[in-house]
């Protein structure tokens, strides 16, 4: 069997020993390797999509550095959001402004990441930035709402006055 016949039959690879991945699978492979691609762009200054595209060589140091930076930024954003939510709980009149600020922060994050990755747009399309950030919000919100029952109601239906001390978010459950 030749490489062409394997590709023609729908084999995901160009042949049994081919190092090339079918073009139709390239986007899936690229998104699975985002820490490598983004790490190379961020830490090594590589901006040419042709250089960053397949074949992708895994670089453990780049992957670790990118994931460490991503974790640090994510934790910082989480701390800011928690401080805002705490303000919304302690001062119910501020809850609408808190919710608006969190939504604006989500949108600003998407735009900032999109603008910072313009040079590698073929490898990191807008839809993947929106989906990744949306999934992060869903996961963090799910965790937060499980740990703090009634939080959604308290933020979405503000009352006058302060909430009781036991509902303070920073103090924990």
C-alpha atoms as a PDB file:
ATOM      1  CA  UNK A   1       0.000   0.000   0.000  1.00  0.00           C
ATOM      2  CA  UNK A   2       1.386   3.403  -0.940  1.00  0.00           C
ATOM      3  CA  UNK A   3       1.164   6.605   1.073  1.00  0.00           C
ATOM      4  CA  UNK A   4      -1.300   8.090  -1.394  1.00  0.00           C
ATOM      5  CA  UNK A   5      -3.658   5.134  -1.173  1.00  0.00           C
ATOM      6  CA  UNK A   6      -3.598   5.277   2.637  1.00  0.00           C
ATOM      7  CA  UNK A   7      -4.520   8.952   2.555  1.00  0.00           C
ATOM      8  CA  UNK A   8      -7.170   8.303  -0.065  1.00  0.00           C
ATOM      9  CA  UNK A   9      -8.815   5.676   2.135  1.00  0.00           C
ATOM     10  CA  UNK A  10      -9.158   8.064   5.045  1.00  0.00           C
ATOM     11  CA  UNK A  11      -6.162   6.972   7.107  1.00  0.00           C
ATOM     12  CA  UNK A  12      -5.328   9.745   9.567  1.00  0.00           C
ATOM     13  CA  UNK A  13      -1.656   9.491   8.654  1.00  0.00           C
ATOM     14  CA  UNK A  14      -0.015   9.675   5.255  1.00  0.00           C
ATOM     15  CA  UNK A  15       1.098   6.062   5.585  1.00  0.00           C
ATOM     16  CA  UNK A  16       2.059   3.554   8.238  1.00  0.00           C
ATOM     17  CA  UNK A  17       5.472   5.163   8.810  1.00  0.00           C
ATOM     18  CA  UNK A  18       4.923   8.676   7.493  1.00  0.00           C
ATOM     19  CA  UNK A  19       5.883  11.619   9.749  1.00  0.00           C
ATOM     20  CA  UNK A  20       3.261  13.808   8.063  1.00  0.00           C
ATOM     21  CA  UNK A  21      -0.225  14.331   9.370  1.00  0.00           C
ATOM     22  CA  UNK A  22      -3.140  14.724   6.991  1.00  0.00           C
ATOM     23  CA  UNK A  23      -4.030  18.393   6.466  1.00  0.00           C
ATOM     24  CA  UNK A  24      -7.584  17.802   7.670  1.00  0.00           C
ATOM     25  CA  UNK A  25      -6.231  16.761  11.082  1.00  0.00           C
ATOM     26  CA  UNK A  26      -3.729  19.597  11.385  1.00  0.00           C
ATOM     27  CA  UNK A  27      -6.049  21.978  13.314  1.00  0.00           C
ATOM     28  CA  UNK A  28      -6.811  19.317  15.930  1.00  0.00           C
ATOM     29  CA  UNK A  29      -3.145  18.484  16.335  1.00  0.00           C
ATOM     30  CA  UNK A  30      -2.175  22.145  16.529  1.00  0.00           C
ATOM     31  CA  UNK A  31      -4.696  22.856  19.295  1.00  0.00           C
ATOM     32  CA  UNK A  32      -3.491  19.815  21.209  1.00  0.00           C
ATOM     33  CA  UNK A  33       0.018  21.292  21.049  1.00  0.00           C
ATOM     34  CA  UNK A  34      -0.884  24.888  21.964  1.00  0.00           C
ATOM     35  CA  UNK A  35       1.483  25.058  24.968  1.00  0.00           C
ATOM     36  CA  UNK A  36       4.392  24.285  22.648  1.00  0.00           C
ATOM     37  CA  UNK A  37       3.300  26.739  19.959  1.00  0.00           C
ATOM     38  CA  UNK A  38       2.415  29.560  22.313  1.00  0.00           C
ATOM     39  CA  UNK A  39       5.526  28.952  24.395  1.00  0.00           C
ATOM     40  CA  UNK A  40       7.723  29.173  21.289  1.00  0.00           C
ATOM     41  CA  UNK A  41       5.989  32.375  20.242  1.00  0.00           C
ATOM     42  CA  UNK A  42       6.170  33.895  23.729  1.00  0.00           C
ATOM     43  CA  UNK A  43       9.606  32.820  24.953  1.00  0.00           C
ATOM     44  CA  UNK A  44      11.538  32.298  21.720  1.00  0.00           C
ATOM     45  CA  UNK A  45      10.024  35.116  19.675  1.00  0.00           C
ATOM     46  CA  UNK A  46       8.933  32.833  16.859  1.00  0.00           C
ATOM     47  CA  UNK A  47       6.080  34.501  14.976  1.00  0.00           C
ATOM     48  CA  UNK A  48       6.145  32.802  11.571  1.00  0.00           C
ATOM     49  CA  UNK A  49       3.192  30.423  11.327  1.00  0.00           C
ATOM     50  CA  UNK A  50       5.130  28.246   8.884  1.00  0.00           C
ATOM     51  CA  UNK A  51       7.918  27.701  11.426  1.00  0.00           C
ATOM     52  CA  UNK A  52       5.456  27.008  14.227  1.00  0.00           C
ATOM     53  CA  UNK A  53       3.293  24.606  12.230  1.00  0.00           C
ATOM     54  CA  UNK A  54       3.771  20.884  11.738  1.00  0.00           C
ATOM     55  CA  UNK A  55       5.862  18.922  12.434  1.00  0.00           C
ATOM     56  CA  UNK A  56       5.765  19.973  16.058  1.00  0.00           C
ATOM     57  CA  UNK A  57       8.729  19.112  18.234  1.00  0.00           C
ATOM     58  CA  UNK A  58       7.883  18.854  21.917  1.00  0.00           C
ATOM     59  CA  UNK A  59      10.109  21.034  24.070  1.00  0.00           C
ATOM     60  CA  UNK A  60       9.606  20.206  27.773  1.00  0.00           C
ATOM     61  CA  UNK A  61      11.238  23.424  29.028  1.00  0.00           C
ATOM     62  CA  UNK A  62       9.034  25.595  26.808  1.00  0.00           C
ATOM     63  CA  UNK A  63       5.925  23.643  27.770  1.00  0.00           C
ATOM     64  CA  UNK A  64       6.744  23.946  31.486  1.00  0.00           C
ATOM     65  CA  UNK A  65       7.515  27.675  31.210  1.00  0.00           C
ATOM     66  CA  UNK A  66       4.338  28.411  29.248  1.00  0.00           C
ATOM     67  CA  UNK A  67       2.142  26.366  31.595  1.00  0.00           C
ATOM     68  CA  UNK A  68       3.752  28.012  34.635  1.00  0.00           C
ATOM     69  CA  UNK A  69       3.095  31.487  33.251  1.00  0.00           C
ATOM     70  CA  UNK A  70      -0.459  30.509  32.259  1.00  0.00           C
ATOM     71  CA  UNK A  71      -1.087  29.169  35.775  1.00  0.00           C
ATOM     72  CA  UNK A  72       0.282  32.322  37.416  1.00  0.00           C
ATOM     73  CA  UNK A  73      -1.852  34.598  35.230  1.00  0.00           C
ATOM     74  CA  UNK A  74      -4.930  32.422  35.780  1.00  0.00           C
ATOM     75  CA  UNK A  75      -4.438  32.486  39.551  1.00  0.00           C
ATOM     76  CA  UNK A  76      -4.002  36.269  39.512  1.00  0.00           C
ATOM     77  CA  UNK A  77      -7.202  36.689  37.505  1.00  0.00           C
ATOM     78  CA  UNK A  78      -8.975  34.310  39.886  1.00  0.00           C
ATOM     79  CA  UNK A  79      -7.845  36.304  42.917  1.00  0.00           C
ATOM     80  CA  UNK A  80      -9.083  39.532  41.335  1.00  0.00           C
ATOM     81  CA  UNK A  81     -12.439  37.954  40.497  1.00  0.00           C
ATOM     82  CA  UNK A  82     -12.742  36.582  44.050  1.00  0.00           C
ATOM     83  CA  UNK A  83     -12.025  40.034  45.501  1.00  0.00           C
ATOM     84  CA  UNK A  84     -14.715  41.515  43.249  1.00  0.00           C
ATOM     85  CA  UNK A  85     -17.220  38.812  44.211  1.00  0.00           C
ATOM     86  CA  UNK A  86     -16.459  39.414  47.874  1.00  0.00           C
ATOM     87  CA  UNK A  87     -17.193  43.117  47.351  1.00  0.00           C
ATOM     88  CA  UNK A  88     -20.471  42.213  45.705  1.00  0.00           C
ATOM     89  CA  UNK A  89     -21.420  40.011  48.642  1.00  0.00           C
ATOM     90  CA  UNK A  90     -20.375  42.448  51.355  1.00  0.00           C
ATOM     91  CA  UNK A  91     -21.919  45.446  49.611  1.00  0.00           C
ATOM     92  CA  UNK A  92     -25.053  44.228  47.790  1.00  0.00           C
ATOM     93  CA  UNK A  93     -25.623  47.608  46.185  1.00  0.00           C
ATOM     94  CA  UNK A  94     -22.332  47.101  44.306  1.00  0.00           C
ATOM     95  CA  UNK A  95     -23.304  43.662  42.973  1.00  0.00           C
ATOM     96  CA  UNK A  96     -24.475  44.898  39.533  1.00  0.00           C
ATOM     97  CA  UNK A  97     -21.209  46.781  39.046  1.00  0.00           C
ATOM     98  CA  UNK A  98     -19.267  43.682  40.141  1.00  0.00           C
ATOM     99  CA  UNK A  99     -21.086  41.468  37.636  1.00  0.00           C
ATOM    100  CA  UNK A 100     -20.562  44.046  34.874  1.00  0.00           C
ATOM    101  CA  UNK A 101     -16.857  44.306  35.741  1.00  0.00           C
ATOM    102  CA  UNK A 102     -16.404  40.526  35.617  1.00  0.00           C
ATOM    103  CA  UNK A 103     -18.146  40.318  32.231  1.00  0.00           C
ATOM    104  CA  UNK A 104     -16.064  43.230  30.904  1.00  0.00           C
ATOM    105  CA  UNK A 105     -12.909  41.521  32.195  1.00  0.00           C
ATOM    106  CA  UNK A 106     -13.851  38.352  30.312  1.00  0.00           C
ATOM    107  CA  UNK A 107     -14.280  40.309  27.085  1.00  0.00           C
ATOM    108  CA  UNK A 108     -11.081  42.319  27.594  1.00  0.00           C
ATOM    109  CA  UNK A 109      -9.141  39.098  28.204  1.00  0.00           C
ATOM    110  CA  UNK A 110     -10.375  37.609  24.925  1.00  0.00           C
ATOM    111  CA  UNK A 111      -9.509  40.766  22.979  1.00  0.00           C
ATOM    112  CA  UNK A 112      -6.080  41.071  24.652  1.00  0.00           C
ATOM    113  CA  UNK A 113      -5.145  37.460  23.924  1.00  0.00           C
ATOM    114  CA  UNK A 114      -6.439  37.853  20.380  1.00  0.00           C
ATOM    115  CA  UNK A 115      -4.408  40.995  19.758  1.00  0.00           C
ATOM    116  CA  UNK A 116      -1.263  39.536  21.318  1.00  0.00           C
ATOM    117  CA  UNK A 117      -1.494  36.456  19.095  1.00  0.00           C
ATOM    118  CA  UNK A 118      -2.232  38.209  15.791  1.00  0.00           C
ATOM    119  CA  UNK A 119       1.043  37.016  14.249  1.00  0.00           C
ATOM    120  CA  UNK A 120       0.095  33.380  14.808  1.00  0.00           C
ATOM    121  CA  UNK A 121      -3.607  33.714  13.938  1.00  0.00           C
ATOM    122  CA  UNK A 122      -3.505  30.770  11.485  1.00  0.00           C
ATOM    123  CA  UNK A 123      -2.453  28.567  14.403  1.00  0.00           C
ATOM    124  CA  UNK A 124      -4.668  30.183  17.043  1.00  0.00           C
ATOM    125  CA  UNK A 125      -7.956  31.308  15.505  1.00  0.00           C
ATOM    126  CA  UNK A 126     -10.387  33.602  17.317  1.00  0.00           C
ATOM    127  CA  UNK A 127     -12.894  30.831  17.910  1.00  0.00           C
ATOM    128  CA  UNK A 128     -10.344  28.819  19.912  1.00  0.00           C
ATOM    129  CA  UNK A 129      -9.578  31.827  22.125  1.00  0.00           C
ATOM    130  CA  UNK A 130     -13.289  32.390  22.798  1.00  0.00           C
ATOM    131  CA  UNK A 131     -13.966  28.690  23.448  1.00  0.00           C
ATOM    132  CA  UNK A 132     -10.953  28.256  25.760  1.00  0.00           C
ATOM    133  CA  UNK A 133     -11.835  31.322  27.833  1.00  0.00           C
ATOM    134  CA  UNK A 134     -15.510  30.343  27.967  1.00  0.00           C
ATOM    135  CA  UNK A 135     -14.637  26.853  29.194  1.00  0.00           C
ATOM    136  CA  UNK A 136     -12.381  28.361  31.862  1.00  0.00           C
ATOM    137  CA  UNK A 137     -15.231  30.604  33.047  1.00  0.00           C
ATOM    138  CA  UNK A 138     -17.689  27.697  33.135  1.00  0.00           C
ATOM    139  CA  UNK A 139     -15.259  25.518  35.117  1.00  0.00           C
ATOM    140  CA  UNK A 140     -14.324  28.260  37.603  1.00  0.00           C
ATOM    141  CA  UNK A 141     -17.954  29.360  38.012  1.00  0.00           C
ATOM    142  CA  UNK A 142     -19.085  25.790  38.587  1.00  0.00           C
ATOM    143  CA  UNK A 143     -16.472  25.320  41.284  1.00  0.00           C
ATOM    144  CA  UNK A 144     -17.260  28.662  42.921  1.00  0.00           C
ATOM    145  CA  UNK A 145     -21.021  28.114  42.906  1.00  0.00           C
ATOM    146  CA  UNK A 146     -20.643  24.606  44.395  1.00  0.00           C
ATOM    147  CA  UNK A 147     -18.406  25.916  47.181  1.00  0.00           C
ATOM    148  CA  UNK A 148     -20.673  28.897  47.921  1.00  0.00           C
ATOM    149  CA  UNK A 149     -24.334  27.926  47.587  1.00  0.00           C
ATOM    150  CA  UNK A 150     -26.614  30.894  46.992  1.00  0.00           C
ATOM    151  CA  UNK A 151     -23.832  33.066  45.564  1.00  0.00           C
ATOM    152  CA  UNK A 152     -25.567  33.448  42.209  1.00  0.00           C
ATOM    153  CA  UNK A 153     -28.765  34.633  43.892  1.00  0.00           C
ATOM    154  CA  UNK A 154     -26.879  37.050  46.141  1.00  0.00           C
ATOM    155  CA  UNK A 155     -25.027  38.626  43.225  1.00  0.00           C
ATOM    156  CA  UNK A 156     -27.966  38.744  40.846  1.00  0.00           C
ATOM    157  CA  UNK A 157     -30.567  40.017  43.325  1.00  0.00           C
ATOM    158  CA  UNK A 158     -28.792  42.586  45.472  1.00  0.00           C
ATOM    159  CA  UNK A 159     -30.424  43.695  48.704  1.00  0.00           C
ATOM    160  CA  UNK A 160     -29.763  46.739  50.750  1.00  0.00           C
ATOM    161  CA  UNK A 161     -27.487  46.430  53.759  1.00  0.00           C
ATOM    162  CA  UNK A 162     -24.625  44.059  54.486  1.00  0.00           C
ATOM    163  CA  UNK A 163     -24.787  40.315  54.313  1.00  0.00           C
ATOM    164  CA  UNK A 164     -24.063  38.321  57.417  1.00  0.00           C
ATOM    165  CA  UNK A 165     -20.452  37.533  58.243  1.00  0.00           C
ATOM    166  CA  UNK A 166     -20.838  33.801  57.552  1.00  0.00           C
ATOM    167  CA  UNK A 167     -21.439  34.476  53.843  1.00  0.00           C
ATOM    168  CA  UNK A 168     -18.147  36.255  53.247  1.00  0.00           C
ATOM    169  CA  UNK A 169     -16.390  34.562  50.385  1.00  0.00           C
ATOM    170  CA  UNK A 170     -12.817  35.221  51.426  1.00  0.00           C
ATOM    171  CA  UNK A 171     -13.364  33.564  54.800  1.00  0.00           C
ATOM    172  CA  UNK A 172     -14.303  30.320  53.011  1.00  0.00           C
ATOM    173  CA  UNK A 173     -17.252  27.972  53.357  1.00  0.00           C
END
